Amino acid sequence: MTESWVNSAERIGSDLHLELSSAGSGGRRAAVVRALREAVRGGRLAPGTRLPPYRSLAADLGVARNTVADAYAELVAEGWLTARQGSGTRVAMGVSAPPSGRRDGSASARDVTRAPRAAPPRARALRHDLRQGTPDASSFPRAAWLTSYRRALQQAPNEVFGPGDPAGRIELREALTEYLARARGVRTDPDRIVICSGFAHALRLLSGQGAGGILRGPLAVEAYGLGFHRELLATAGVRTVPLPVDGHGALVGGLGRERGVLLTPAHQFPTGGPLHAERRAAVIDWARARGGVVVEDDYDGEFRYDRKPVGALQGLDPDRVVLVGSVSKSLSPALRLGWMVLPPRYVDDVLAAKGEREAWASVPDQLCLADFMASGSYDRHVRRARQRYRGRRDRLVRALAARAPHIEVTGVAAGLHAVLRLPDGTEGSTVEAAARRGVALDGLAAFRHPETDTAVTGTAGTGTVVRDGLVVGYATPPDHAYGAAVEALCEVLPPP
């Protein structure tokens, strides 16, 4: 089914005809992306053409404003469009229409010359990216990584370039055994570690049918977390039940007949704070009594600033806890390298779930990371990153104290983001005001489980009505752009 839409001439000076096809995946945003891309391919939108503001187009299409904004941002990142302050969003000059002999809009890839990819998708063509979740890409340790890569390849046996082990290279599993024991208090051995592509991949393996249903519903999750993870579990048929959280992490006393629980004990995401010692013991007691499993997302365990390191929950009971970690925050999400530390009874099921080799992580990258850890380069990089991000956090806190002292800042003892408490009823308007100023950030509500109406309080042991807030990442902008990003943030915060 195809829907045709025409943008009003009163808004942009000329009509814009779009056909939103329901075919394909990705929902309405993907449909807008496809329609705009085909309009450029077919020559109906010439290079330099100014597109309507995303609010206007969203109103005419009958979709959410963020849907059009995200579609614009994706096409900017791919080089189809450009976005500059004062100039609006336009068709990129580097995009050419198909040859005159082509009559239809179905140009092949070689018919379109796209401008170089200017930014990763998360940048969304906005001036300041203060969303949580990614490190500063410019800080990647290229020289040290290249040294480890060369050394790893020079020392690699020929078998490395043939069919591998679904568990991952033994070199990396041995390096992780040593590192996780030393830095995170993990108790394991190489045979209990399975290499994966990151936390989402681990969830797919643990919840898939091929793993024998290690994660089955109902599964307790924290009331705040990544919606993407909840959707992934729902796709696998796993129903999630929210646990309220407070300043001491999840209220695990609410656990009952669930078969498992997913937690971020080192630094609750996104509200901040480690799981209290009494609750750590309580969740282990629950898992033993219930025969349940605890999945530990070792989120931000390495980035702590004002408190002592918090060891992994897995160290309390390696037979009940599955610890999952990755290098997406410490090094780069582009590496797609993570690990699962499993109870022995789960190892065979997870390996069976991995299936074909296409799902396995790159062996050369595994060898490189193993060398990077064994040589001490990983520790040195994390220490430097911790110092740099602490400086950014301090700069943000000082700016807020000076410019917006009425805004409470929480969750900053560790991690790569802060939570800013806002006056009730101001979250949505503040996020919109930030978007108008070119500042990308997230409202706290974006992470809330849809079935919860309790979540954040500074008092241990209770849940309260949800308060408005912003989740502000301070890791993504490069150093030279960070000051301007903080200044722009302060300018959009609501008054007392």
Protein backbone atom coordinates (compact mmCIF):
# COMPACT_ATOMS: atom_id res chain seq x y z
CA MET A 1 0.00 0.00 0.00
CA THR A 2 1.30 3.45 -0.91
CA GLU A 3 0.18 6.76 0.60
CA SER A 4 0.75 10.01 -1.31
CA TRP A 5 1.36 13.24 0.50
CA VAL A 6 1.84 16.80 -0.79
CA ASN A 7 3.47 19.44 1.34
CA SER A 8 1.67 22.77 1.34
CA ALA A 9 3.06 25.52 -0.88
CA GLU A 10 2.23 28.01 1.85
CA ARG A 11 4.91 26.49 4.04
CA ILE A 12 7.90 26.05 1.76
CA GLY A 13 7.02 27.94 -1.43
CA SER A 14 6.63 24.82 -3.58
CA ASP A 15 4.81 21.52 -3.36
CA LEU A 16 6.64 18.41 -2.17
CA HIS A 17 5.04 15.16 -3.25
CA LEU A 18 6.06 12.08 -1.28
CA GLU A 19 4.89 8.49 -1.56
CA LEU A 20 5.13 6.58 1.70
CA SER A 21 5.17 2.88 0.97
CA SER A 22 4.25 0.43 3.69
CA ALA A 23 6.60 -2.12 2.13
CA GLY A 24 9.85 -2.86 3.86
CA SER A 25 10.86 -2.69 7.51
CA GLY A 26 11.57 0.13 9.89
CA GLY A 27 8.14 1.71 10.22
CA ARG A 28 7.23 5.27 9.35
CA ARG A 29 10.74 6.69 9.69
CA ALA A 30 12.11 4.20 7.17
CA ALA A 31 9.19 4.99 4.84
CA VAL A 32 10.04 8.71 4.94
CA VAL A 33 13.72 7.92 4.30
CA ARG A 34 12.84 5.77 1.29
CA ALA A 35 10.46 8.36 -0.13
CA LEU A 36 12.97 11.20 0.12
CA ARG A 37 15.78 9.05 -1.26
CA GLU A 38 13.67 8.07 -4.27
CA ALA A 39 12.67 11.69 -4.84
CA VAL A 40 16.36 12.63 -5.06
CA ARG A 41 17.23 9.61 -7.20
CA GLY A 42 14.45 10.39 -9.63
CA GLY A 43 15.52 14.01 -10.02
CA ARG A 44 12.34 15.41 -8.48
CA LEU A 45 14.45 16.99 -5.73
CA ALA A 46 17.43 18.67 -7.37
CA PRO A 47 20.73 19.37 -5.59
CA GLY A 48 20.38 22.46 -3.42
CA THR A 49 16.60 22.14 -2.99
CA ARG A 50 15.53 23.28 0.45
CA LEU A 51 13.29 20.83 2.28
CA PRO A 52 10.47 21.92 4.56
CA PRO A 53 11.09 22.18 8.30
CA TYR A 54 10.59 18.78 9.87
CA ARG A 55 7.63 20.05 11.91
CA SER A 56 5.80 21.18 8.78
CA LEU A 57 6.46 17.97 6.90
CA ALA A 58 5.53 15.87 9.93
CA ALA A 59 2.20 17.69 10.22
CA ASP A 60 1.37 17.07 6.57
CA LEU A 61 2.45 13.45 6.67
CA GLY A 62 0.58 12.79 9.87
CA VAL A 63 3.65 11.41 11.64
CA ALA A 64 5.60 12.41 14.75
CA ARG A 65 8.07 15.26 14.43
CA ASN A 66 10.90 13.04 15.64
CA THR A 67 10.10 10.62 12.81
CA VAL A 68 10.86 13.24 10.17
CA ALA A 69 13.78 14.68 12.15
CA ASP A 70 15.36 11.24 12.40
CA ALA A 71 14.78 10.60 8.68
CA TYR A 72 16.45 13.92 7.79
CA ALA A 73 19.36 13.10 10.12
CA GLU A 74 19.87 9.64 8.60
CA LEU A 75 20.00 11.08 5.09
CA VAL A 76 22.39 13.83 6.20
CA ALA A 77 24.68 11.21 7.71
CA GLU A 78 24.56 9.22 4.46
CA GLY A 79 25.38 12.30 2.38
CA TRP A 80 22.02 12.70 0.63
CA LEU A 81 21.14 15.91 2.49
CA THR A 82 22.98 18.74 4.24
CA ALA A 83 21.91 20.71 7.28
CA ARG A 84 23.37 24.05 8.29
CA GLN A 85 22.14 26.64 10.74
CA GLY A 86 20.35 29.43 8.91
CA SER A 87 20.20 27.47 5.67
CA GLY A 88 17.88 24.65 6.68
CA THR A 89 17.98 21.14 5.30
CA ARG A 90 18.79 20.85 1.60
CA VAL A 91 19.54 18.18 -0.99
CA ALA A 92 23.32 17.76 -1.03
CA MET A 93 25.15 19.32 -3.97
CA GLY A 94 27.15 16.11 -4.38
CA VAL A 95 24.07 14.08 -5.31
CA SER A 96 23.40 13.78 -9.02
CA ALA A 97 20.16 12.90 -10.79
CA PRO A 98 20.04 9.82 -13.05
CA PRO A 99 21.05 10.16 -16.72
CA SER A 100 18.42 11.80 -18.93
CA GLY A 101 17.71 8.52 -20.71
CA ARG A 102 16.25 7.02 -17.53
CA ARG A 103 12.53 7.58 -17.23
CA ASP A 104 11.76 6.02 -13.87
CA GLY A 105 12.90 6.79 -10.36
CA SER A 106 14.55 3.43 -9.72
CA ALA A 107 18.14 4.51 -10.17
CA SER A 108 20.81 1.94 -9.47
CA ALA A 109 23.58 2.57 -7.01
CA ARG A 110 25.97 3.74 -9.73
CA ASP A 111 23.47 6.37 -10.95
CA VAL A 112 23.86 8.35 -7.73
CA THR A 113 27.03 10.04 -6.55
CA ARG A 114 26.80 10.63 -2.85
CA ALA A 115 28.83 13.07 -0.83
CA PRO A 116 31.34 11.56 1.60
CA ARG A 117 29.85 10.29 4.82
CA ALA A 118 30.33 13.24 7.10
CA ALA A 119 29.25 11.80 10.43
CA PRO A 120 28.13 8.59 12.09
CA PRO A 121 24.38 8.04 12.30
CA ARG A 122 24.24 9.05 15.95
CA ALA A 123 25.46 12.57 15.10
CA ARG A 124 22.15 13.19 13.32
CA ALA A 125 23.54 16.33 11.67
CA LEU A 126 22.94 18.37 14.81
CA ARG A 127 25.42 20.87 16.13
CA HIS A 128 25.89 19.33 19.57
CA ASP A 129 25.47 15.66 20.39
CA LEU A 130 24.84 15.24 24.12
CA ARG A 131 23.16 11.87 23.94
CA GLN A 132 24.43 9.08 26.11
CA GLY A 133 25.97 5.90 24.85
CA THR A 134 29.12 6.54 22.85
CA PRO A 135 32.66 7.64 23.69
CA ASP A 136 34.50 10.46 21.96
CA ALA A 137 35.36 8.89 18.61
CA SER A 138 38.42 11.12 18.24
CA SER A 139 39.95 9.57 21.37
CA PHE A 140 40.28 6.08 19.92
CA PRO A 141 43.91 4.92 20.55
CA ARG A 142 44.82 4.43 16.91
CA ALA A 143 48.59 4.12 17.32
CA ALA A 144 48.44 1.62 20.18
CA TRP A 145 45.67 -0.36 18.46
CA LEU A 146 47.68 -0.53 15.24
CA THR A 147 50.73 -1.75 17.16
CA SER A 148 48.69 -4.54 18.74
CA TYR A 149 47.09 -5.41 15.41
CA ARG A 150 50.44 -5.78 13.68
CA ARG A 151 51.89 -7.82 16.50
CA ALA A 152 48.82 -10.04 16.72
CA LEU A 153 48.84 -10.78 12.98
CA GLN A 154 52.58 -11.41 12.91
CA GLN A 155 52.30 -13.93 15.72
CA ALA A 156 49.04 -15.54 14.61
CA PRO A 157 49.23 -19.17 13.50
CA ASN A 158 47.84 -20.05 10.08
CA GLU A 159 44.81 -21.71 11.62
CA VAL A 160 43.55 -18.26 12.62
CA PHE A 161 42.48 -17.67 9.03
CA GLY A 162 40.40 -20.82 8.81
CA PRO A 163 37.19 -21.91 10.54
CA GLY A 164 37.33 -20.79 14.14
CA ASP A 165 35.96 -21.59 17.56
CA PRO A 166 32.40 -20.33 18.21
CA ALA A 167 33.46 -19.56 21.77
CA GLY A 168 36.05 -17.11 20.45
CA ARG A 169 39.83 -17.19 20.28
CA ILE A 170 41.47 -18.70 23.31
CA GLU A 171 43.97 -15.80 23.41
CA LEU A 172 41.18 -13.31 24.04
CA ARG A 173 39.35 -15.53 26.50
CA GLU A 174 42.56 -15.96 28.51
CA ALA A 175 43.23 -12.20 28.44
CA LEU A 176 39.68 -11.51 29.59
CA THR A 177 39.95 -14.06 32.40
CA GLU A 178 42.96 -12.23 33.79
CA TYR A 179 41.60 -8.72 33.23
CA LEU A 180 38.09 -9.32 34.58
CA ALA A 181 39.44 -11.03 37.71
CA ARG A 182 41.87 -8.19 38.38
CA ALA A 183 39.71 -5.20 37.47
CA ARG A 184 36.14 -6.39 38.10
CA GLY A 185 36.43 -9.18 40.69
CA VAL A 186 35.03 -11.78 38.27
CA ARG A 187 35.53 -15.48 39.02
CA THR A 188 35.80 -17.51 35.83
CA ASP A 189 38.08 -19.42 33.50
CA PRO A 190 38.49 -19.26 29.69
CA ASP A 191 36.12 -22.19 29.09
CA ARG A 192 33.24 -20.22 30.60
CA ILE A 193 33.69 -17.15 28.39
CA VAL A 194 31.95 -16.81 25.02
CA ILE A 195 32.85 -13.92 22.72
CA CYS A 196 29.95 -12.02 21.18
CA SER A 197 29.38 -8.78 19.27
CA GLY A 198 28.05 -6.76 22.19
CA PHE A 199 25.28 -6.70 24.76
CA ALA A 200 22.42 -6.84 22.24
CA HIS A 201 23.98 -9.89 20.59
CA ALA A 202 24.31 -11.52 24.00
CA LEU A 203 20.63 -10.91 24.73
CA ARG A 204 19.67 -12.49 21.42
CA LEU A 205 21.73 -15.56 22.21
CA LEU A 206 20.42 -15.89 25.76
CA SER A 207 16.78 -15.40 24.80
CA GLY A 208 16.79 -17.36 21.53
CA GLN A 209 15.24 -20.79 21.20
CA GLY A 210 18.62 -22.26 20.30
CA ALA A 211 19.89 -21.47 23.79
CA GLY A 212 17.29 -23.63 25.43
CA GLY A 213 15.40 -20.70 26.88
CA ILE A 214 18.02 -19.42 29.31
CA LEU A 215 16.07 -16.17 29.45
CA ARG A 216 12.36 -16.84 29.64
CA GLY A 217 9.52 -14.66 30.73
CA PRO A 218 8.59 -13.20 32.98
CA LEU A 219 11.96 -11.43 33.25
CA ALA A 220 12.37 -8.61 35.74
CA VAL A 221 14.12 -5.52 34.41
CA GLU A 222 14.87 -2.11 35.87
CA ALA A 223 12.10 0.44 35.41
CA TYR A 224 14.53 2.58 33.44
CA GLY A 225 16.72 1.10 30.72
CA LEU A 226 17.20 0.91 26.97
CA GLY A 227 13.95 0.39 25.10
CA PHE A 228 15.91 -1.38 22.39
CA HIS A 229 16.78 -4.16 24.82
CA ARG A 230 13.17 -4.53 25.94
CA GLU A 231 12.03 -4.69 22.31
CA LEU A 232 14.64 -7.33 21.54
CA LEU A 233 13.39 -9.46 24.41
CA ALA A 234 9.78 -8.96 23.38
CA THR A 235 10.63 -10.14 19.87
CA ALA A 236 12.01 -13.32 21.42
CA GLY A 237 8.75 -13.77 23.33
CA VAL A 238 10.17 -12.74 26.70
CA ARG A 239 7.79 -10.61 28.78
CA THR A 240 9.52 -8.03 30.97
CA VAL A 241 8.31 -6.84 34.36
CA PRO A 242 9.64 -3.48 35.66
CA LEU A 243 11.36 -3.09 39.03
CA PRO A 244 11.31 0.45 40.48
CA VAL A 245 14.70 2.03 41.11
CA ASP A 246 15.99 4.61 43.57
CA GLY A 247 19.32 6.07 44.58
CA HIS A 248 20.58 2.59 45.50
CA GLY A 249 19.61 0.86 42.27
CA ALA A 250 16.77 -1.56 41.62
CA LEU A 251 14.37 -2.43 44.41
CA VAL A 252 15.02 -6.16 44.18
CA GLY A 253 12.75 -6.85 47.12
CA GLY A 254 9.96 -6.73 44.58
CA LEU A 255 11.20 -9.88 42.88
CA GLY A 256 8.76 -12.75 43.06
CA ARG A 257 7.93 -15.49 40.58
CA GLU A 258 10.05 -14.13 37.74
CA ARG A 259 12.46 -16.57 36.15
CA GLY A 260 15.30 -14.11 35.88
CA VAL A 261 16.33 -10.49 36.30
CA LEU A 262 18.39 -8.10 34.16
CA LEU A 263 20.37 -5.52 36.14
CA THR A 264 23.06 -2.84 35.74
CA PRO A 265 24.64 -3.22 39.21
CA ALA A 266 27.83 -1.21 38.67
CA HIS A 267 25.99 1.94 37.51
CA GLN A 268 22.23 1.87 37.06
CA PHE A 269 21.35 2.98 33.57
CA PRO A 270 20.37 5.73 33.13
CA THR A 271 19.63 7.07 36.64
CA GLY A 272 23.10 6.34 38.07
CA GLY A 273 24.36 4.78 41.27
CA PRO A 274 25.55 1.23 42.08
CA LEU A 275 23.30 -1.49 43.43
CA HIS A 276 23.46 -1.34 47.23
CA ALA A 277 25.39 -4.12 48.98
CA GLU A 278 22.29 -5.41 50.79
CA ARG A 279 20.40 -5.59 47.50
CA ARG A 280 23.30 -7.37 45.82
CA ALA A 281 23.12 -10.06 48.48
CA ALA A 282 19.33 -10.13 48.29
CA VAL A 283 19.18 -10.72 44.54
CA ILE A 284 21.66 -13.59 44.84
CA ASP A 285 19.55 -15.11 47.62
CA TRP A 286 16.47 -14.76 45.41
CA ALA A 287 18.21 -16.44 42.45
CA ARG A 288 19.31 -19.37 44.59
CA ALA A 289 15.90 -19.86 46.17
CA ARG A 290 14.01 -19.42 42.92
CA GLY A 291 16.47 -21.23 40.67
CA GLY A 292 16.58 -18.08 38.57
CA VAL A 293 19.29 -16.39 36.56
CA VAL A 294 20.72 -12.90 36.97
CA VAL A 295 22.00 -11.17 33.82
CA GLU A 296 24.53 -8.50 34.76
CA ASP A 297 25.07 -5.73 32.24
CA ASP A 298 28.52 -4.54 33.32
CA TYR A 299 27.68 -1.05 32.13
CA ASP A 300 30.27 1.66 32.86
CA GLY A 301 32.05 -0.53 35.39
CA GLU A 302 35.39 1.00 34.42
CA PHE A 303 34.39 4.68 34.58
CA ARG A 304 34.09 5.70 38.21
CA TYR A 305 35.23 9.08 39.55
CA ASP A 306 34.10 9.78 43.12
CA ARG A 307 33.75 6.31 44.58
CA LYS A 308 35.73 3.14 44.96
CA PRO A 309 35.47 0.49 42.24
CA VAL A 310 32.39 -1.67 42.54
CA GLY A 311 33.14 -5.30 41.80
CA ALA A 312 30.96 -7.35 39.51
CA LEU A 313 27.89 -9.00 41.00
CA GLN A 314 29.05 -12.18 39.29
CA GLY A 315 31.78 -12.56 41.90
CA LEU A 316 29.14 -13.35 44.55
CA ASP A 317 27.80 -16.39 42.71
CA PRO A 318 29.35 -17.38 39.36
CA ASP A 319 26.78 -20.19 39.03
CA ARG A 320 23.78 -17.86 39.09
CA VAL A 321 25.02 -14.75 37.28
CA VAL A 322 25.68 -14.22 33.58
CA LEU A 323 28.00 -11.23 33.22
CA VAL A 324 27.99 -9.41 29.88
CA GLY A 325 30.51 -6.75 28.91
CA SER A 326 31.91 -5.06 25.83
CA VAL A 327 34.36 -2.42 24.64
CA SER A 328 31.68 -0.19 23.13
CA LYS A 329 32.11 2.46 25.86
CA SER A 330 35.75 1.97 26.74
CA LEU A 331 37.09 1.79 23.17
CA SER A 332 34.51 2.07 20.40
CA PRO A 333 31.13 0.60 19.44
CA ALA A 334 32.55 0.15 15.93
CA LEU A 335 34.67 -2.81 17.12
CA ARG A 336 31.61 -4.98 17.86
CA LEU A 337 33.41 -7.00 20.52
CA GLY A 338 31.85 -8.22 23.72
CA TRP A 339 31.84 -11.21 26.04
CA MET A 340 29.61 -13.36 28.20
CA VAL A 341 30.88 -14.95 31.40
CA LEU A 342 28.56 -17.92 31.83
CA PRO A 343 27.70 -20.52 34.46
CA PRO A 344 29.05 -23.84 33.16
CA ARG A 345 25.58 -25.28 32.50
CA TYR A 346 24.81 -22.53 29.95
CA VAL A 347 27.96 -22.67 27.82
CA ASP A 348 26.91 -25.44 25.42
CA ASP A 349 23.47 -23.94 24.88
CA VAL A 350 24.89 -20.51 24.04
CA LEU A 351 27.43 -22.00 21.64
CA ALA A 352 24.65 -23.92 19.92
CA ALA A 353 22.64 -20.71 19.64
CA LYS A 354 25.50 -18.92 17.88
CA GLY A 355 25.04 -21.24 14.92
CA GLU A 356 26.62 -20.28 11.62
CA ARG A 357 30.01 -18.60 11.51
CA GLU A 358 28.54 -15.36 10.14
CA ALA A 359 27.44 -14.55 13.70
CA TRP A 360 30.97 -14.85 15.08
CA ALA A 361 33.16 -11.86 15.86
CA SER A 362 36.15 -11.09 13.64
CA VAL A 363 39.10 -13.28 14.63
CA PRO A 364 41.80 -10.68 13.80
CA ASP A 365 39.97 -8.15 15.97
CA GLN A 366 39.79 -10.68 18.78
CA LEU A 367 43.51 -11.30 18.56
CA CYS A 368 44.19 -7.57 18.51
CA LEU A 369 42.09 -6.96 21.63
CA ALA A 370 43.83 -9.86 23.37
CA ASP A 371 47.22 -8.28 22.69
CA PHE A 372 45.88 -4.83 23.61
CA MET A 373 44.84 -6.16 27.02
CA ALA A 374 47.85 -8.37 27.64
CA SER A 375 50.31 -5.59 26.79
CA GLY A 376 48.73 -3.17 29.27
CA SER A 377 47.53 -0.80 26.53
CA TYR A 378 43.89 -1.31 27.48
CA ASP A 379 44.51 -0.33 31.12
CA ARG A 380 46.46 2.74 30.06
CA HIS A 381 43.74 3.80 27.65
CA VAL A 382 40.98 3.36 30.24
CA ARG A 383 42.91 5.42 32.80
CA ARG A 384 43.40 8.24 30.31
CA ALA A 385 39.77 8.09 29.26
CA ARG A 386 38.62 8.10 32.89
CA GLN A 387 40.66 11.25 33.55
CA ARG A 388 39.36 12.97 30.39
CA TYR A 389 35.71 12.16 31.04
CA ARG A 390 35.99 13.17 34.69
CA GLY A 391 37.23 16.56 33.50
CA ARG A 392 34.24 16.86 31.20
CA ARG A 393 31.85 15.86 33.95
CA ASP A 394 33.35 18.47 36.29
CA ARG A 395 33.06 21.13 33.60
CA LEU A 396 29.38 20.29 33.09
CA VAL A 397 28.63 20.35 36.83
CA ARG A 398 30.40 23.72 37.26
CA ALA A 399 28.53 25.25 34.36
CA LEU A 400 25.18 24.08 35.70
CA ALA A 401 25.99 25.35 39.19
CA ALA A 402 26.76 28.77 37.75
CA ARG A 403 24.05 29.04 35.09
CA ALA A 404 21.23 26.86 36.46
CA PRO A 405 21.70 26.29 40.20
CA HIS A 406 18.06 25.22 40.52
CA ILE A 407 18.74 22.13 38.39
CA GLU A 408 19.74 19.07 40.43
CA VAL A 409 22.47 16.94 38.86
CA THR A 410 22.62 13.25 39.79
CA GLY A 411 24.27 10.03 38.68
CA VAL A 412 27.69 11.61 38.15
CA ALA A 413 29.87 9.49 40.44
CA ALA A 414 30.54 7.17 37.51
CA GLY A 415 29.65 6.62 33.88
CA LEU A 416 29.52 8.83 30.81
CA HIS A 417 26.35 10.81 31.42
CA ALA A 418 24.49 12.88 34.02
CA VAL A 419 20.82 13.08 34.90
CA LEU A 420 19.40 16.59 35.25
CA ARG A 421 16.22 16.84 37.33
CA LEU A 422 13.72 19.28 35.83
CA PRO A 423 10.63 21.01 37.20
CA ASP A 424 7.55 18.86 36.75
CA GLY A 425 5.99 19.11 33.32
CA THR A 426 9.02 20.66 31.58
CA GLU A 427 10.82 17.64 30.15
CA GLY A 428 9.11 17.52 26.75
CA SER A 429 9.35 21.25 26.11
CA THR A 430 13.02 21.29 27.13
CA VAL A 431 13.91 18.46 24.76
CA GLU A 432 12.10 20.30 21.95
CA ALA A 433 13.84 23.57 22.79
CA ALA A 434 17.19 21.77 22.70
CA ALA A 435 16.38 20.29 19.29
CA ARG A 436 15.58 23.76 17.95
CA ARG A 437 19.01 24.90 19.10
CA GLY A 438 20.68 21.91 17.47
CA VAL A 439 21.35 20.10 20.75
CA ALA A 440 20.69 16.35 20.75
CA LEU A 441 19.83 14.88 24.14
CA ASP A 442 17.30 12.51 25.66
CA GLY A 443 14.49 12.98 28.12
CA LEU A 444 14.36 10.60 31.06
CA ALA A 445 10.95 9.38 29.95
CA ALA A 446 12.49 7.89 26.80
CA PHE A 447 14.04 5.14 28.95
CA ARG A 448 11.02 4.35 31.10
CA HIS A 449 9.45 0.91 30.92
CA PRO A 450 5.96 1.36 29.43
CA GLU A 451 4.34 -0.57 32.26
CA THR A 452 5.74 1.46 35.14
CA ASP A 453 4.59 4.62 36.83
CA THR A 454 7.18 4.56 39.60
CA ALA A 455 10.89 4.98 39.29
CA VAL A 456 13.30 7.54 40.65
CA THR A 457 13.83 8.91 44.13
CA GLY A 458 16.82 9.77 46.24
CA THR A 459 15.46 7.77 49.17
CA ALA A 460 16.41 4.12 49.48
CA GLY A 461 13.66 1.55 49.51
CA THR A 462 10.82 3.53 47.98
CA GLY A 463 9.51 4.36 44.54
CA THR A 464 7.82 7.64 43.76
CA VAL A 465 5.91 9.20 40.92
CA VAL A 466 8.28 9.74 38.01
CA ARG A 467 10.01 13.10 37.89
CA ASP A 468 11.00 14.91 34.72
CA GLY A 469 14.64 14.93 33.71
CA LEU A 470 17.27 14.96 31.02
CA VAL A 471 19.91 12.32 30.31
CA VAL A 472 22.96 14.30 29.19
CA GLY A 473 25.97 12.48 27.77
CA TYR A 474 29.30 14.24 28.09
CA ALA A 475 31.52 11.75 26.26
CA THR A 476 30.56 12.06 22.60
CA PRO A 477 31.55 15.63 21.56
CA PRO A 478 35.21 16.12 20.65
CA ASP A 479 37.20 18.29 23.04
CA HIS A 480 37.11 21.39 20.85
CA ALA A 481 33.30 21.29 20.64
CA TYR A 482 32.45 20.39 24.21
CA GLY A 483 32.39 23.91 25.65
CA ALA A 484 29.94 25.14 23.04
CA ALA A 485 27.74 22.09 23.65
CA VAL A 486 27.55 22.78 27.39
CA GLU A 487 26.80 26.45 26.74
CA ALA A 488 23.97 25.55 24.37
CA LEU A 489 22.55 23.13 26.94
CA CYS A 490 22.48 25.77 29.66
CA GLU A 491 20.60 28.16 27.39
CA VAL A 492 17.65 25.80 26.90
CA LEU A 493 17.12 24.72 30.52
CA PRO A 494 13.86 25.89 32.10
CA PRO A 495 13.96 28.78 34.61
CA PRO A 496 13.33 28.21 38.32
